[in-house]
């Protein structure tokens, strides 16, 4: 599938605080915890617990969320298909969309029981 400017903009304007509970519910159904979710998000974005909670409380958009993030240097190693999009084929002009899909891929791997050291691309 190909990302469009409209799709990128739609994701950019989504509120992270509205999506976070969906991530958490998915993980909890698979026996994972909020701490594990936060560990993965912290590794990927560089946010600590206080910063992450502040973004949730202020209802930051994904645009703001990823503008403030310090994406991990190994993020380029996150590859695969999420929601029909092959991450490594998403064009650079849609970097925000790519980062969103990378984070979803990490959460998906956690839900499927992949070991944390593999999720964190060590």
C-alpha atoms as a PDB file:
ATOM      1  CA  UNK A   1       0.000   0.000   0.000  1.00  0.00           C
ATOM      2  CA  UNK A   2       1.100   3.537  -0.623  1.00  0.00           C
ATOM      3  CA  UNK A   3       0.917   6.371   1.914  1.00  0.00           C
ATOM      4  CA  UNK A   4      -0.802   9.537   0.746  1.00  0.00           C
ATOM      5  CA  UNK A   5      -0.424  13.081   2.057  1.00  0.00           C
ATOM      6  CA  UNK A   6      -4.011  12.889   3.296  1.00  0.00           C
ATOM      7  CA  UNK A   7      -3.360   9.678   5.237  1.00  0.00           C
ATOM      8  CA  UNK A   8      -0.166  11.138   6.711  1.00  0.00           C
ATOM      9  CA  UNK A   9      -2.039  14.275   7.806  1.00  0.00           C
ATOM     10  CA  UNK A  10      -4.875  12.239   9.320  1.00  0.00           C
ATOM     11  CA  UNK A  11      -2.426  10.270  11.464  1.00  0.00           C
ATOM     12  CA  UNK A  12      -0.478  13.432  12.368  1.00  0.00           C
ATOM     13  CA  UNK A  13      -3.643  14.978  13.810  1.00  0.00           C
ATOM     14  CA  UNK A  14      -4.700  11.938  15.851  1.00  0.00           C
ATOM     15  CA  UNK A  15      -4.458  12.395  19.616  1.00  0.00           C
ATOM     16  CA  UNK A  16      -1.877  10.082  21.197  1.00  0.00           C
ATOM     17  CA  UNK A  17      -3.869   9.927  24.463  1.00  0.00           C
ATOM     18  CA  UNK A  18      -6.845   8.509  22.532  1.00  0.00           C
ATOM     19  CA  UNK A  19      -4.751   5.720  20.971  1.00  0.00           C
ATOM     20  CA  UNK A  20      -2.602   4.827  24.003  1.00  0.00           C
ATOM     21  CA  UNK A  21      -5.472   2.984  25.803  1.00  0.00           C
ATOM     22  CA  UNK A  22      -6.052   0.914  22.657  1.00  0.00           C
ATOM     23  CA  UNK A  23      -2.382  -0.125  22.675  1.00  0.00           C
ATOM     24  CA  UNK A  24      -2.643  -0.946  26.379  1.00  0.00           C
ATOM     25  CA  UNK A  25      -5.866  -2.970  26.028  1.00  0.00           C
ATOM     26  CA  UNK A  26      -4.363  -5.019  23.224  1.00  0.00           C
ATOM     27  CA  UNK A  27      -1.297  -5.826  25.307  1.00  0.00           C
ATOM     28  CA  UNK A  28      -3.251  -6.604  28.462  1.00  0.00           C
ATOM     29  CA  UNK A  29      -5.359  -9.131  26.515  1.00  0.00           C
ATOM     30  CA  UNK A  30      -2.061 -10.855  25.738  1.00  0.00           C
ATOM     31  CA  UNK A  31      -0.847 -10.857  29.340  1.00  0.00           C
ATOM     32  CA  UNK A  32       1.439  -7.831  29.032  1.00  0.00           C
ATOM     33  CA  UNK A  33       1.597  -4.817  31.341  1.00  0.00           C
ATOM     34  CA  UNK A  34       1.489  -1.045  31.098  1.00  0.00           C
ATOM     35  CA  UNK A  35       5.104  -1.017  32.300  1.00  0.00           C
ATOM     36  CA  UNK A  36       6.129  -3.144  29.314  1.00  0.00           C
ATOM     37  CA  UNK A  37       4.227  -0.859  26.938  1.00  0.00           C
ATOM     38  CA  UNK A  38       5.899   2.193  28.435  1.00  0.00           C
ATOM     39  CA  UNK A  39       9.303   0.507  28.275  1.00  0.00           C
ATOM     40  CA  UNK A  40       8.905  -0.056  24.531  1.00  0.00           C
ATOM     41  CA  UNK A  41       7.629   3.489  23.894  1.00  0.00           C
ATOM     42  CA  UNK A  42      10.432   4.935  26.052  1.00  0.00           C
ATOM     43  CA  UNK A  43      13.082   2.986  24.148  1.00  0.00           C
ATOM     44  CA  UNK A  44      11.697   4.087  20.786  1.00  0.00           C
ATOM     45  CA  UNK A  45      11.005   7.762  21.578  1.00  0.00           C
ATOM     46  CA  UNK A  46      13.485   8.657  24.307  1.00  0.00           C
ATOM     47  CA  UNK A  47      10.692   9.937  26.565  1.00  0.00           C
ATOM     48  CA  UNK A  48      10.903   9.156  30.251  1.00  0.00           C
ATOM     49  CA  UNK A  49       7.777   8.262  32.259  1.00  0.00           C
ATOM     50  CA  UNK A  50       7.107  11.892  33.255  1.00  0.00           C
ATOM     51  CA  UNK A  51       7.412  13.176  29.677  1.00  0.00           C
ATOM     52  CA  UNK A  52       5.208  10.374  28.350  1.00  0.00           C
ATOM     53  CA  UNK A  53       2.515  11.086  30.934  1.00  0.00           C
ATOM     54  CA  UNK A  54       2.704  14.827  30.209  1.00  0.00           C
ATOM     55  CA  UNK A  55       2.074  14.166  26.491  1.00  0.00           C
ATOM     56  CA  UNK A  56      -0.898  12.000  27.403  1.00  0.00           C
ATOM     57  CA  UNK A  57      -2.260  14.623  29.810  1.00  0.00           C
ATOM     58  CA  UNK A  58      -1.912  17.473  27.308  1.00  0.00           C
ATOM     59  CA  UNK A  59      -3.578  15.358  24.619  1.00  0.00           C
ATOM     60  CA  UNK A  60      -0.690  15.819  22.202  1.00  0.00           C
ATOM     61  CA  UNK A  61      -1.194  14.891  18.570  1.00  0.00           C
ATOM     62  CA  UNK A  62       1.060  12.313  16.954  1.00  0.00           C
ATOM     63  CA  UNK A  63       2.692  15.248  15.136  1.00  0.00           C
ATOM     64  CA  UNK A  64       3.677  16.864  18.445  1.00  0.00           C
ATOM     65  CA  UNK A  65       4.528  13.490  19.964  1.00  0.00           C
ATOM     66  CA  UNK A  66       7.032  12.626  17.235  1.00  0.00           C
ATOM     67  CA  UNK A  67       8.390  16.185  16.922  1.00  0.00           C
ATOM     68  CA  UNK A  68       9.394  16.026  20.597  1.00  0.00           C
ATOM     69  CA  UNK A  69      10.698  12.452  20.409  1.00  0.00           C
ATOM     70  CA  UNK A  70      14.339  11.507  20.103  1.00  0.00           C
ATOM     71  CA  UNK A  71      13.901   8.394  17.975  1.00  0.00           C
ATOM     72  CA  UNK A  72      16.310   5.600  18.891  1.00  0.00           C
ATOM     73  CA  UNK A  73      19.274   5.233  16.505  1.00  0.00           C
ATOM     74  CA  UNK A  74      18.358   1.575  15.890  1.00  0.00           C
ATOM     75  CA  UNK A  75      14.814   2.437  14.769  1.00  0.00           C
ATOM     76  CA  UNK A  76      15.843   1.851  11.156  1.00  0.00           C
ATOM     77  CA  UNK A  77      16.121  -1.852  12.049  1.00  0.00           C
ATOM     78  CA  UNK A  78      12.345  -2.036  12.624  1.00  0.00           C
ATOM     79  CA  UNK A  79      10.999  -3.651   9.488  1.00  0.00           C
ATOM     80  CA  UNK A  80       7.961  -5.576   8.414  1.00  0.00           C
ATOM     81  CA  UNK A  81       4.316  -5.066   7.592  1.00  0.00           C
ATOM     82  CA  UNK A  82       1.854  -3.180   9.800  1.00  0.00           C
ATOM     83  CA  UNK A  83      -1.733  -2.526   8.695  1.00  0.00           C
ATOM     84  CA  UNK A  84      -0.823  -3.454   5.136  1.00  0.00           C
ATOM     85  CA  UNK A  85       2.143  -1.049   4.925  1.00  0.00           C
ATOM     86  CA  UNK A  86       5.698  -2.342   4.598  1.00  0.00           C
ATOM     87  CA  UNK A  87       7.586  -0.007   6.935  1.00  0.00           C
ATOM     88  CA  UNK A  88      10.827   0.070   4.967  1.00  0.00           C
ATOM     89  CA  UNK A  89       8.936   1.085   1.802  1.00  0.00           C
ATOM     90  CA  UNK A  90       7.205   4.130   3.326  1.00  0.00           C
ATOM     91  CA  UNK A  91       8.667   7.172   1.598  1.00  0.00           C
ATOM     92  CA  UNK A  92      10.850   9.613   3.558  1.00  0.00           C
ATOM     93  CA  UNK A  93       8.419  12.470   2.942  1.00  0.00           C
ATOM     94  CA  UNK A  94       6.003  10.607   5.232  1.00  0.00           C
ATOM     95  CA  UNK A  95       8.452  10.245   8.135  1.00  0.00           C
ATOM     96  CA  UNK A  96       5.781  10.813  10.784  1.00  0.00           C
ATOM     97  CA  UNK A  97       3.653   8.026   9.337  1.00  0.00           C
ATOM     98  CA  UNK A  98       6.700   5.759   9.216  1.00  0.00           C
ATOM     99  CA  UNK A  99       7.518   6.452  12.876  1.00  0.00           C
ATOM    100  CA  UNK A 100       3.936   5.744  13.880  1.00  0.00           C
ATOM    101  CA  UNK A 101       3.992   2.406  12.054  1.00  0.00           C
ATOM    102  CA  UNK A 102       7.379   1.542  13.587  1.00  0.00           C
ATOM    103  CA  UNK A 103       5.990   2.119  17.078  1.00  0.00           C
ATOM    104  CA  UNK A 104       2.943  -0.005  16.236  1.00  0.00           C
ATOM    105  CA  UNK A 105       5.255  -2.769  14.992  1.00  0.00           C
ATOM    106  CA  UNK A 106       7.087  -2.761  18.335  1.00  0.00           C
ATOM    107  CA  UNK A 107       3.792  -2.946  20.219  1.00  0.00           C
ATOM    108  CA  UNK A 108       2.659  -5.768  17.940  1.00  0.00           C
ATOM    109  CA  UNK A 109       5.862  -7.699  18.634  1.00  0.00           C
ATOM    110  CA  UNK A 110       5.379  -7.218  22.376  1.00  0.00           C
ATOM    111  CA  UNK A 111       1.785  -8.462  22.135  1.00  0.00           C
ATOM    112  CA  UNK A 112       2.953 -11.557  20.282  1.00  0.00           C
ATOM    113  CA  UNK A 113       5.418 -12.417  23.039  1.00  0.00           C
ATOM    114  CA  UNK A 114       8.685 -11.462  21.380  1.00  0.00           C
ATOM    115  CA  UNK A 115      11.531 -11.041  23.859  1.00  0.00           C
ATOM    116  CA  UNK A 116      12.226  -7.463  24.940  1.00  0.00           C
ATOM    117  CA  UNK A 117      15.879  -7.535  23.828  1.00  0.00           C
ATOM    118  CA  UNK A 118      14.766  -8.437  20.306  1.00  0.00           C
ATOM    119  CA  UNK A 119      12.028  -5.803  20.290  1.00  0.00           C
ATOM    120  CA  UNK A 120      14.616  -3.210  21.295  1.00  0.00           C
ATOM    121  CA  UNK A 121      16.902  -4.270  18.445  1.00  0.00           C
ATOM    122  CA  UNK A 122      19.961  -4.861  20.631  1.00  0.00           C
END
